[in-house]
Structure formats: structure tokens, C-alpha cells
PDB file of N, CA and C in Angstrom:
ATOM      1  N   MET A   1     260.510 140.165  44.305  1.00  0.00           N
ATOM      2  CA  MET A   1     259.964 138.907  44.729  1.00  0.00           C
ATOM      3  C   MET A   1     259.218 138.262  43.556  1.00  0.00           C
ATOM      4  N   ALA A   2     259.494 137.030  43.293  1.00  0.00           N
ATOM      5  CA  ALA A   2     258.880 136.315  42.167  1.00  0.00           C
ATOM      6  C   ALA A   2     257.522 135.782  42.583  1.00  0.00           C
ATOM      7  N   GLU A   3     256.567 135.964  41.686  1.00  0.00           N
ATOM      8  CA  GLU A   3     255.216 135.442  41.949  1.00  0.00           C
ATOM      9  C   GLU A   3     255.124 134.017  41.428  1.00  0.00           C
ATOM     10  N   GLN A   4     254.485 133.199  42.202  1.00  0.00           N
ATOM     11  CA  GLN A   4     254.262 131.837  41.752  1.00  0.00           C
ATOM     12  C   GLN A   4     252.835 131.724  41.230  1.00  0.00           C
ATOM     13  N   THR A   5     252.735 131.210  40.050  1.00  0.00           N
ATOM     14  CA  THR A   5     251.397 131.026  39.468  1.00  0.00           C
ATOM     15  C   THR A   5     251.112 129.540  39.366  1.00  0.00           C
ATOM     16  N   GLU A   6     249.908 129.222  39.689  1.00  0.00           N
ATOM     17  CA  GLU A   6     249.484 127.824  39.590  1.00  0.00           C
ATOM     18  C   GLU A   6     248.749 127.637  38.273  1.00  0.00           C
ATOM     19  N   GLU A   7     249.113 126.588  37.595  1.00  0.00           N
ATOM     20  CA  GLU A   7     248.411 126.261  36.358  1.00  0.00           C
ATOM     21  C   GLU A   7     247.262 125.332  36.696  1.00  0.00           C
ATOM     22  N   LYS A   8     246.100 125.715  36.229  1.00  0.00           N
ATOM     23  CA  LYS A   8     244.930 124.871  36.463  1.00  0.00           C
ATOM     24  C   LYS A   8     244.778 123.919  35.291  1.00  0.00           C
ATOM     25  N   LYS A   9     244.656 122.677  35.632  1.00  0.00           N
ATOM     26  CA  LYS A   9     244.439 121.681  34.600  1.00  0.00           C
ATOM     27  C   LYS A   9     242.930 121.536  34.399  1.00  0.00           C
ATOM     28  N   VAL A  10     242.519 121.712  33.182  1.00  0.00           N
ATOM     29  CA  VAL A  10     241.102 121.598  32.852  1.00  0.00           C
ATOM     30  C   VAL A  10     240.884 120.250  32.201  1.00  0.00           C
ATOM     31  N   ASP A  11     240.016 119.474  32.807  1.00  0.00           N
ATOM     32  CA  ASP A  11     239.672 118.170  32.257  1.00  0.00           C
ATOM     33  C   ASP A  11     238.560 118.382  31.235  1.00  0.00           C
ATOM     34  N   THR A  12     238.921 118.399  29.957  1.00  0.00           N
ATOM     35  CA  THR A  12     237.942 118.683  28.909  1.00  0.00           C
ATOM     36  C   THR A  12     236.906 117.582  28.755  1.00  0.00           C
ATOM     37  N   SER A  13     237.218 116.385  29.175  1.00  0.00           N
ATOM     38  CA  SER A  13     236.242 115.310  29.049  1.00  0.00           C
ATOM     39  C   SER A  13     235.063 115.518  29.993  1.00  0.00           C
ATOM     40  N   GLU A  14     235.266 116.213  31.090  1.00  0.00           N
ATOM     41  CA  GLU A  14     234.180 116.482  32.022  1.00  0.00           C
ATOM     42  C   GLU A  14     233.419 117.752  31.668  1.00  0.00           C
ATOM     43  N   SER A  15     234.074 118.714  31.022  1.00  0.00           N
ATOM     44  CA  SER A  15     233.407 119.980  30.739  1.00  0.00           C
ATOM     45  C   SER A  15     232.409 119.867  29.587  1.00  0.00           C
ATOM     46  N   LYS A  16     232.728 119.093  28.554  1.00  0.00           N
ATOM     47  CA  LYS A  16     231.812 118.929  27.436  1.00  0.00           C
ATOM     48  C   LYS A  16     232.038 117.572  26.802  1.00  0.00           C
ATOM     49  N   ARG A  17     230.999 116.806  26.739  1.00  0.00           N
ATOM     50  CA  ARG A  17     231.106 115.496  26.126  1.00  0.00           C
ATOM     51  C   ARG A  17     230.393 115.529  24.783  1.00  0.00           C
ATOM     52  N   ILE A  18     231.070 115.056  23.770  1.00  0.00           N
ATOM     53  CA  ILE A  18     230.468 114.975  22.451  1.00  0.00           C
ATOM     54  C   ILE A  18     230.234 113.505  22.142  1.00  0.00           C
ATOM     55  N   HIS A  19     228.977 113.175  21.927  1.00  0.00           N
ATOM     56  CA  HIS A  19     228.606 111.791  21.644  1.00  0.00           C
ATOM     57  C   HIS A  19     228.599 111.589  20.134  1.00  0.00           C
ATOM     58  N   THR A  20     229.373 110.637  19.661  1.00  0.00           N
ATOM     59  CA  THR A  20     229.402 110.343  18.241  1.00  0.00           C
ATOM     60  C   THR A  20     228.518 109.147  17.914  1.00  0.00           C
ATOM     61  N   TYR A  21     227.833 108.644  18.887  1.00  0.00           N
ATOM     62  CA  TYR A  21     226.931 107.520  18.698  1.00  0.00           C
ATOM     63  C   TYR A  21     225.512 107.988  19.030  1.00  0.00           C
ATOM     64  N   PRO A  22     224.508 107.274  18.550  1.00  0.00           N
ATOM     65  CA  PRO A  22     223.135 107.680  18.872  1.00  0.00           C
ATOM     66  C   PRO A  22     222.852 107.517  20.360  1.00  0.00           C
ATOM     67  N   LEU A  23     222.311 108.547  20.959  1.00  0.00           N
ATOM     68  CA  LEU A  23     221.989 108.549  22.384  1.00  0.00           C
ATOM     69  C   LEU A  23     220.487 108.747  22.529  1.00  0.00           C
ATOM     70  N   ILE A  24     219.788 107.697  22.899  1.00  0.00           N
ATOM     71  CA  ILE A  24     218.332 107.779  23.018  1.00  0.00           C
ATOM     72  C   ILE A  24     217.983 108.354  24.384  1.00  0.00           C
ATOM     73  N   ARG A  25     217.277 109.493  24.374  1.00  0.00           N
ATOM     74  CA  ARG A  25     216.862 110.149  25.609  1.00  0.00           C
ATOM     75  C   ARG A  25     215.525 109.598  26.104  1.00  0.00           C
ATOM     76  N   HIS A  26     214.608 109.335  25.174  1.00  0.00           N
ATOM     77  CA  HIS A  26     213.321 108.773  25.563  1.00  0.00           C
ATOM     78  C   HIS A  26     212.709 108.044  24.375  1.00  0.00           C
ATOM     79  N   SER A  27     212.118 106.918  24.650  1.00  0.00           N
ATOM     80  CA  SER A  27     211.404 106.180  23.615  1.00  0.00           C
ATOM     81  C   SER A  27     210.389 105.260  24.282  1.00  0.00           C
ATOM     82  N   ASP A  28     209.208 105.182  23.668  1.00  0.00           N
ATOM     83  CA  ASP A  28     208.238 104.202  24.144  1.00  0.00           C
ATOM     84  C   ASP A  28     207.908 103.198  23.032  1.00  0.00           C
ATOM     85  N   MET A  29     208.742 103.160  21.993  1.00  0.00           N
ATOM     86  CA  MET A  29     208.568 102.214  20.890  1.00  0.00           C
ATOM     87  C   MET A  29     208.997 100.815  21.322  1.00  0.00           C
ATOM     88  N   ASN A  30     208.473  99.803  20.615  1.00  0.00           N
ATOM     89  CA  ASN A  30     208.989  98.460  20.864  1.00  0.00           C
ATOM     90  C   ASN A  30     210.402  98.384  20.303  1.00  0.00           C
ATOM     91  N   ASP A  31     211.163  97.392  20.714  1.00  0.00           N
ATOM     92  CA  ASP A  31     212.591  97.334  20.395  1.00  0.00           C
ATOM     93  C   ASP A  31     212.868  97.280  18.898  1.00  0.00           C
ATOM     94  N   GLU A  32     212.065  96.529  18.152  1.00  0.00           N
ATOM     95  CA  GLU A  32     212.284  96.404  16.710  1.00  0.00           C
ATOM     96  C   GLU A  32     212.073  97.743  15.996  1.00  0.00           C
ATOM     97  N   MET A  33     210.976  98.423  16.315  1.00  0.00           N
ATOM     98  CA  MET A  33     210.689  99.721  15.698  1.00  0.00           C
ATOM     99  C   MET A  33     211.733 100.757  16.118  1.00  0.00           C
ATOM    100  N   LYS A  34     212.125 100.723  17.382  1.00  0.00           N
ATOM    101  CA  LYS A  34     213.115 101.675  17.887  1.00  0.00           C
ATOM    102  C   LYS A  34     214.451 101.518  17.161  1.00  0.00           C
ATOM    103  N   THR A  35     214.879 100.290  16.951  1.00  0.00           N
ATOM    104  CA  THR A  35     216.136 100.033  16.254  1.00  0.00           C
ATOM    105  C   THR A  35     216.079 100.531  14.814  1.00  0.00           C
ATOM    106  N   GLU A  36     214.987 100.238  14.117  1.00  0.00           N
ATOM    107  CA  GLU A  36     214.844 100.702  12.737  1.00  0.00           C
ATOM    108  C   GLU A  36     214.809 102.223  12.658  1.00  0.00           C
ATOM    109  N   ALA A  37     214.061 102.852  13.556  1.00  0.00           N
ATOM    110  CA  ALA A  37     213.954 104.311  13.556  1.00  0.00           C
ATOM    111  C   ALA A  37     215.295 104.961  13.886  1.00  0.00           C
ATOM    112  N   MET A  38     216.019 104.407  14.842  1.00  0.00           N
ATOM    113  CA  MET A  38     217.322 104.953  15.222  1.00  0.00           C
ATOM    114  C   MET A  38     218.307 104.861  14.053  1.00  0.00           C
ATOM    115  N   GLU A  39     218.340 103.717  13.383  1.00  0.00           N
ATOM    116  CA  GLU A  39     219.228 103.548  12.229  1.00  0.00           C
ATOM    117  C   GLU A  39     218.846 104.488  11.094  1.00  0.00           C
ATOM    118  N   LEU A  40     217.552 104.695  10.882  1.00  0.00           N
ATOM    119  CA  LEU A  40     217.082 105.620   9.863  1.00  0.00           C
ATOM    120  C   LEU A  40     217.514 107.053  10.186  1.00  0.00           C
ATOM    121  N   CYS A  41     217.390 107.454  11.435  1.00  0.00           N
ATOM    122  CA  CYS A  41     217.784 108.807  11.849  1.00  0.00           C
ATOM    123  C   CYS A  41     219.275 109.032  11.660  1.00  0.00           C
ATOM    124  N   VAL A  42     220.082 108.047  12.028  1.00  0.00           N
ATOM    125  CA  VAL A  42     221.535 108.157  11.863  1.00  0.00           C
ATOM    126  C   VAL A  42     221.886 108.265  10.381  1.00  0.00           C
ATOM    127  N   THR A  43     221.270 107.436   9.547  1.00  0.00           N
ATOM    128  CA  THR A  43     221.526 107.466   8.108  1.00  0.00           C
ATOM    129  C   THR A  43     221.154 108.818   7.515  1.00  0.00           C
ATOM    130  N   ALA A  44     219.977 109.336   7.876  1.00  0.00           N
ATOM    131  CA  ALA A  44     219.519 110.620   7.345  1.00  0.00           C
ATOM    132  C   ALA A  44     220.429 111.760   7.777  1.00  0.00           C
ATOM    133  N   CYS A  45     220.847 111.761   9.034  1.00  0.00           N
ATOM    134  CA  CYS A  45     221.708 112.844   9.536  1.00  0.00           C
ATOM    135  C   CYS A  45     223.103 112.790   8.933  1.00  0.00           C
ATOM    136  N   GLU A  46     223.593 111.592   8.652  1.00  0.00           N
ATOM    137  CA  GLU A  46     224.900 111.478   8.005  1.00  0.00           C
ATOM    138  C   GLU A  46     224.818 111.861   6.529  1.00  0.00           C
ATOM    139  N   LYS A  47     223.740 111.447   5.865  1.00  0.00           N
ATOM    140  CA  LYS A  47     223.582 111.724   4.440  1.00  0.00           C
ATOM    141  C   LYS A  47     223.351 113.215   4.178  1.00  0.00           C
ATOM    142  N   PHE A  48     222.536 113.847   5.012  1.00  0.00           N
ATOM    143  CA  PHE A  48     222.211 115.262   4.847  1.00  0.00           C
ATOM    144  C   PHE A  48     222.742 116.067   6.031  1.00  0.00           C
ATOM    145  N   SER A  49     224.032 115.979   6.276  1.00  0.00           N
ATOM    146  CA  SER A  49     224.623 116.624   7.449  1.00  0.00           C
ATOM    147  C   SER A  49     224.534 118.146   7.406  1.00  0.00           C
ATOM    148  N   ASN A  50     224.404 118.732   6.216  1.00  0.00           N
ATOM    149  CA  ASN A  50     224.314 120.186   6.102  1.00  0.00           C
ATOM    150  C   ASN A  50     222.895 120.692   5.915  1.00  0.00           C
ATOM    151  N   ASN A  51     221.910 119.804   5.891  1.00  0.00           N
ATOM    152  CA  ASN A  51     220.535 120.218   5.638  1.00  0.00           C
ATOM    153  C   ASN A  51     219.577 119.436   6.544  1.00  0.00           C
ATOM    154  N   ASN A  52     219.244 120.007   7.686  1.00  0.00           N
ATOM    155  CA  ASN A  52     218.371 119.335   8.652  1.00  0.00           C
ATOM    156  C   ASN A  52     216.962 119.134   8.112  1.00  0.00           C
ATOM    157  N   GLU A  53     216.485 120.064   7.309  1.00  0.00           N
ATOM    158  CA  GLU A  53     215.127 119.956   6.765  1.00  0.00           C
ATOM    159  C   GLU A  53     214.998 118.730   5.856  1.00  0.00           C
ATOM    160  N   THR A  54     215.989 118.498   5.017  1.00  0.00           N
ATOM    161  CA  THR A  54     215.968 117.338   4.122  1.00  0.00           C
ATOM    162  C   THR A  54     216.094 116.043   4.917  1.00  0.00           C
ATOM    163  N   ALA A  55     216.906 116.053   5.957  1.00  0.00           N
ATOM    164  CA  ALA A  55     217.036 114.869   6.813  1.00  0.00           C
ATOM    165  C   ALA A  55     215.707 114.547   7.479  1.00  0.00           C
ATOM    166  N   ALA A  56     215.014 115.566   7.996  1.00  0.00           N
ATOM    167  CA  ALA A  56     213.712 115.356   8.633  1.00  0.00           C
ATOM    168  C   ALA A  56     212.693 114.837   7.627  1.00  0.00           C
ATOM    169  N   ARG A  57     212.729 115.361   6.404  1.00  0.00           N
ATOM    170  CA  ARG A  57     211.795 114.908   5.372  1.00  0.00           C
ATOM    171  C   ARG A  57     212.035 113.439   5.025  1.00  0.00           C
ATOM    172  N   MET A  58     213.305 113.044   4.920  1.00  0.00           N
ATOM    173  CA  MET A  58     213.633 111.647   4.623  1.00  0.00           C
ATOM    174  C   MET A  58     213.136 110.726   5.743  1.00  0.00           C
ATOM    175  N   ILE A  59     213.349 111.134   6.994  1.00  0.00           N
ATOM    176  CA  ILE A  59     212.899 110.333   8.138  1.00  0.00           C
ATOM    177  C   ILE A  59     211.384 110.193   8.110  1.00  0.00           C
ATOM    178  N   LYS A  60     210.674 111.287   7.931  1.00  0.00           N
ATOM    179  CA  LYS A  60     209.206 111.287   7.938  1.00  0.00           C
ATOM    180  C   LYS A  60     208.650 110.396   6.825  1.00  0.00           C
ATOM    181  N   GLU A  61     209.153 110.566   5.608  1.00  0.00           N
ATOM    182  CA  GLU A  61     208.628 109.803   4.478  1.00  0.00           C
ATOM    183  C   GLU A  61     208.910 108.311   4.615  1.00  0.00           C
ATOM    184  N   THR A  62     210.084 107.960   5.127  1.00  0.00           N
ATOM    185  CA  THR A  62     210.418 106.549   5.307  1.00  0.00           C
ATOM    186  C   THR A  62     209.569 105.919   6.410  1.00  0.00           C
ATOM    187  N   MET A  63     209.368 106.647   7.508  1.00  0.00           N
ATOM    188  CA  MET A  63     208.520 106.119   8.593  1.00  0.00           C
ATOM    189  C   MET A  63     207.071 105.975   8.131  1.00  0.00           C
ATOM    190  N   ASP A  64     206.585 106.911   7.304  1.00  0.00           N
ATOM    191  CA  ASP A  64     205.231 106.803   6.748  1.00  0.00           C
ATOM    192  C   ASP A  64     205.080 105.527   5.920  1.00  0.00           C
ATOM    193  N   LYS A  65     206.083 105.205   5.111  1.00  0.00           N
ATOM    194  CA  LYS A  65     206.021 104.012   4.264  1.00  0.00           C
ATOM    195  C   LYS A  65     206.090 102.733   5.086  1.00  0.00           C
ATOM    196  N   LYS A  66     206.956 102.709   6.101  1.00  0.00           N
ATOM    197  CA  LYS A  66     207.159 101.481   6.875  1.00  0.00           C
ATOM    198  C   LYS A  66     206.069 101.230   7.910  1.00  0.00           C
ATOM    199  N   PHE A  67     205.605 102.310   8.591  1.00  0.00           N
ATOM    200  CA  PHE A  67     204.730 102.126   9.749  1.00  0.00           C
ATOM    201  C   PHE A  67     203.398 102.856   9.630  1.00  0.00           C
ATOM    202  N   GLY A  68     203.001 103.266   8.441  1.00  0.00           N
ATOM    203  CA  GLY A  68     201.728 103.952   8.266  1.00  0.00           C
ATOM    204  C   GLY A  68     201.879 105.460   8.370  1.00  0.00           C
ATOM    205  N   ALA A  69     200.843 106.166   7.954  1.00  0.00           N
ATOM    206  CA  ALA A  69     200.908 107.630   7.819  1.00  0.00           C
ATOM    207  C   ALA A  69     200.870 108.369   9.153  1.00  0.00           C
ATOM    208  N   SER A  70     201.083 109.663   9.052  1.00  0.00           N
ATOM    209  CA  SER A  70     201.012 110.652  10.144  1.00  0.00           C
ATOM    210  C   SER A  70     202.231 110.689  11.049  1.00  0.00           C
ATOM    211  N   TRP A  71     203.419 110.421  10.508  1.00  0.00           N
ATOM    212  CA  TRP A  71     204.652 110.582  11.272  1.00  0.00           C
ATOM    213  C   TRP A  71     205.150 112.010  11.135  1.00  0.00           C
ATOM    214  N   HIS A  72     205.802 112.504  12.158  1.00  0.00           N
ATOM    215  CA  HIS A  72     206.377 113.847  12.173  1.00  0.00           C
ATOM    216  C   HIS A  72     207.823 113.721  12.641  1.00  0.00           C
ATOM    217  N   ALA A  73     208.693 114.605  12.117  1.00  0.00           N
ATOM    218  CA  ALA A  73     210.106 114.565  12.482  1.00  0.00           C
ATOM    219  C   ALA A  73     210.652 115.981  12.613  1.00  0.00           C
ATOM    220  N   VAL A  74     211.459 116.191  13.646  1.00  0.00           N
ATOM    221  CA  VAL A  74     212.163 117.456  13.839  1.00  0.00           C
ATOM    222  C   VAL A  74     213.637 117.112  14.043  1.00  0.00           C
ATOM    223  N   VAL A  75     214.500 117.769  13.265  1.00  0.00           N
ATOM    224  CA  VAL A  75     215.946 117.568  13.367  1.00  0.00           C
ATOM    225  C   VAL A  75     216.581 118.937  13.556  1.00  0.00           C
ATOM    226  N   GLY A  76     217.386 119.093  14.599  1.00  0.00           N
ATOM    227  CA  GLY A  76     218.042 120.385  14.794  1.00  0.00           C
ATOM    228  C   GLY A  76     218.759 120.475  16.125  1.00  0.00           C
ATOM    229  N   GLU A  77     219.151 121.703  16.446  1.00  0.00           N
ATOM    230  CA  GLU A  77     219.871 121.982  17.683  1.00  0.00           C
ATOM    231  C   GLU A  77     219.114 123.050  18.465  1.00  0.00           C
ATOM    232  N   GLY A  78     219.068 122.912  19.762  1.00  0.00           N
ATOM    233  CA  GLY A  78     218.546 123.960  20.626  1.00  0.00           C
ATOM    234  C   GLY A  78     217.066 124.239  20.452  1.00  0.00           C
ATOM    235  N   PHE A  79     216.243 123.226  20.466  1.00  0.00           N
ATOM    236  CA  PHE A  79     214.807 123.444  20.386  1.00  0.00           C
ATOM    237  C   PHE A  79     214.115 122.754  21.550  1.00  0.00           C
ATOM    238  N   GLY A  80     212.958 123.256  21.901  1.00  0.00           N
ATOM    239  CA  GLY A  80     212.126 122.624  22.909  1.00  0.00           C
ATOM    240  C   GLY A  80     210.851 122.142  22.253  1.00  0.00           C
ATOM    241  N   PHE A  81     210.125 121.291  22.925  1.00  0.00           N
ATOM    242  CA  PHE A  81     208.896 120.780  22.328  1.00  0.00           C
ATOM    243  C   PHE A  81     207.928 120.303  23.396  1.00  0.00           C
ATOM    244  N   GLU A  82     206.689 120.338  23.030  1.00  0.00           N
ATOM    245  CA  GLU A  82     205.618 119.731  23.808  1.00  0.00           C
ATOM    246  C   GLU A  82     204.649 119.171  22.790  1.00  0.00           C
ATOM    247  N   ILE A  83     204.492 117.854  22.773  1.00  0.00           N
ATOM    248  CA  ILE A  83     203.712 117.211  21.721  1.00  0.00           C
ATOM    249  C   ILE A  83     202.677 116.257  22.304  1.00  0.00           C
ATOM    250  N   THR A  84     201.725 115.905  21.466  1.00  0.00           N
ATOM    251  CA  THR A  84     200.775 114.840  21.745  1.00  0.00           C
ATOM    252  C   THR A  84     201.053 113.747  20.734  1.00  0.00           C
ATOM    253  N   HIS A  85     201.168 112.504  21.189  1.00  0.00           N
ATOM    254  CA  HIS A  85     201.533 111.420  20.276  1.00  0.00           C
ATOM    255  C   HIS A  85     200.761 110.169  20.618  1.00  0.00           C
ATOM    256  N   GLU A  86     200.731 109.246  19.656  1.00  0.00           N
ATOM    257  CA  GLU A  86     200.142 107.936  19.909  1.00  0.00           C
ATOM    258  C   GLU A  86     201.098 107.135  20.788  1.00  0.00           C
ATOM    259  N   VAL A  87     200.533 106.354  21.682  1.00  0.00           N
ATOM    260  CA  VAL A  87     201.341 105.522  22.570  1.00  0.00           C
ATOM    261  C   VAL A  87     202.158 104.539  21.736  1.00  0.00           C
ATOM    262  N   LYS A  88     203.374 104.295  22.161  1.00  0.00           N
ATOM    263  CA  LYS A  88     204.324 103.380  21.512  1.00  0.00           C
ATOM    264  C   LYS A  88     204.828 103.907  20.168  1.00  0.00           C
ATOM    265  N   ASN A  89     204.797 105.230  19.961  1.00  0.00           N
ATOM    266  CA  ASN A  89     205.232 105.808  18.692  1.00  0.00           C
ATOM    267  C   ASN A  89     206.025 107.096  18.885  1.00  0.00           C
ATOM    268  N   LEU A  90     206.987 107.108  19.808  1.00  0.00           N
ATOM    269  CA  LEU A  90     207.787 108.294  20.072  1.00  0.00           C
ATOM    270  C   LEU A  90     209.251 107.905  20.242  1.00  0.00           C
ATOM    271  N   LEU A  91     210.136 108.694  19.625  1.00  0.00           N
ATOM    272  CA  LEU A  91     211.572 108.509  19.793  1.00  0.00           C
ATOM    273  C   LEU A  91     212.220 109.881  19.859  1.00  0.00           C
ATOM    274  N   TYR A  92     212.984 110.124  20.930  1.00  0.00           N
ATOM    275  CA  TYR A  92     213.725 111.363  21.107  1.00  0.00           C
ATOM    276  C   TYR A  92     215.170 110.981  21.353  1.00  0.00           C
ATOM    277  N   MET A  93     216.060 111.450  20.490  1.00  0.00           N
ATOM    278  CA  MET A  93     217.456 111.031  20.574  1.00  0.00           C
ATOM    279  C   MET A  93     218.395 112.152  20.176  1.00  0.00           C
ATOM    280  N   PHE A  94     219.678 111.980  20.518  1.00  0.00           N
ATOM    281  CA  PHE A  94     220.746 112.873  20.097  1.00  0.00           C
ATOM    282  C   PHE A  94     221.712 112.078  19.235  1.00  0.00           C
ATOM    283  N   PHE A  95     222.345 112.795  18.290  1.00  0.00           N
ATOM    284  CA  PHE A  95     223.334 112.153  17.435  1.00  0.00           C
ATOM    285  C   PHE A  95     224.399 113.176  17.053  1.00  0.00           C
ATOM    286  N   GLY A  96     225.644 112.746  17.032  1.00  0.00           N
ATOM    287  CA  GLY A  96     226.740 113.610  16.594  1.00  0.00           C
ATOM    288  C   GLY A  96     226.959 114.815  17.481  1.00  0.00           C
ATOM    289  N   GLY A  97     226.832 114.648  18.767  1.00  0.00           N
ATOM    290  CA  GLY A  97     227.050 115.761  19.689  1.00  0.00           C
ATOM    291  C   GLY A  97     225.759 116.389  20.128  1.00  0.00           C
ATOM    292  N   ASN A  98     225.398 117.519  19.525  1.00  0.00           N
ATOM    293  CA  ASN A  98     224.217 118.247  19.990  1.00  0.00           C
ATOM    294  C   ASN A  98     223.087 118.266  18.977  1.00  0.00           C
ATOM    295  N   MET A  99     223.100 117.372  18.000  1.00  0.00           N
ATOM    296  CA  MET A  99     222.007 117.264  17.037  1.00  0.00           C
ATOM    297  C   MET A  99     220.893 116.431  17.663  1.00  0.00           C
ATOM    298  N   ALA A 100     219.720 117.044  17.814  1.00  0.00           N
ATOM    299  CA  ALA A 100     218.588 116.349  18.414  1.00  0.00           C
ATOM    300  C   ALA A 100     217.601 115.943  17.333  1.00  0.00           C
ATOM    301  N   ILE A 101     216.985 114.790  17.517  1.00  0.00           N
ATOM    302  CA  ILE A 101     215.983 114.281  16.583  1.00  0.00           C
ATOM    303  C   ILE A 101     214.802 113.780  17.405  1.00  0.00           C
ATOM    304  N   ILE A 102     213.629 114.223  17.043  1.00  0.00           N
ATOM    305  CA  ILE A 102     212.422 113.676  17.649  1.00  0.00           C
ATOM    306  C   ILE A 102     211.493 113.243  16.523  1.00  0.00           C
ATOM    307  N   ILE A 103     210.989 112.028  16.643  1.00  0.00           N
ATOM    308  CA  ILE A 103     209.995 111.535  15.683  1.00  0.00           C
ATOM    309  C   ILE A 103     208.825 110.983  16.482  1.00  0.00           C
ATOM    310  N   TRP A 104     207.623 111.252  15.989  1.00  0.00           N
ATOM    311  CA  TRP A 104     206.431 110.773  16.658  1.00  0.00           C
ATOM    312  C   TRP A 104     205.313 110.633  15.662  1.00  0.00           C
ATOM    313  N   LYS A 105     204.325 109.846  16.042  1.00  0.00           N
ATOM    314  CA  LYS A 105     203.166 109.603  15.192  1.00  0.00           C
ATOM    315  C   LYS A 105     201.936 110.119  15.917  1.00  0.00           C
ATOM    316  N   CYS A 106     201.135 110.873  15.200  1.00  0.00           N
ATOM    317  CA  CYS A 106     199.824 111.270  15.723  1.00  0.00           C
ATOM    318  C   CYS A 106     198.887 111.409  14.549  1.00  0.00           C
ATOM    319  N   SER A 107     197.616 111.114  14.797  1.00  0.00           N
ATOM    320  CA  SER A 107     196.655 111.172  13.693  1.00  0.00           C
ATOM    321  C   SER A 107     195.552 112.160  13.972  1.00  0.00           C
TER     322      SER A 107
END
């Protein structure tokens, strides 16, 4: 007797989505600052795709020059955080799939 096997079709678009565009998860920045910060993060991650530490340093130093001192940046995958920040100075986003970036200002 021949066995009948059913082939299961796996919809890969539903199982894992890879975002190739910046995906902002949370931000309390004004629109102008948010746009500049998002573009800076994308540029840094593309320029230093193999070195997250250098990308974070570039983001931090550029934000310090543009918006005053005491900016902090974390770039990486699979991290959690709990921070204290100044109001209207936080951006948490994803870029290129699972690369997370958080930037915030505190003094």
C-alpha cells in the first residue's frame, strides 16, 4: 500500500520578516531631530557594517556636535536596556533586519 505524504507549504514571509529600512520602535524626539538622528544611524550602520562599536561612536560624536553633549549610543543585536533620559531625546530603532540602535541624551 502506497503512503500519501502531504507537503506543507511554509510561508517564509510570515515566519521571519527582515526589514531593510529603518523601523522606529519608539521615539519622543521632535520630527526634525528624529529624521536627522535616523539618517545618521543608517549612515553609520552602513559605513561600519562590521564594527558596531565604531558605528556607535560615530553616532554619539555626531549627536554631541549637533545637539549638545551627553549623548549615548548602543548598536547591536539581542540586548535589553533600562535607561533614564532627558525628555524629547530618545530614539530606539531597528535597521537591516535585527540590528538595534538606541540613542539617548542624559546629563
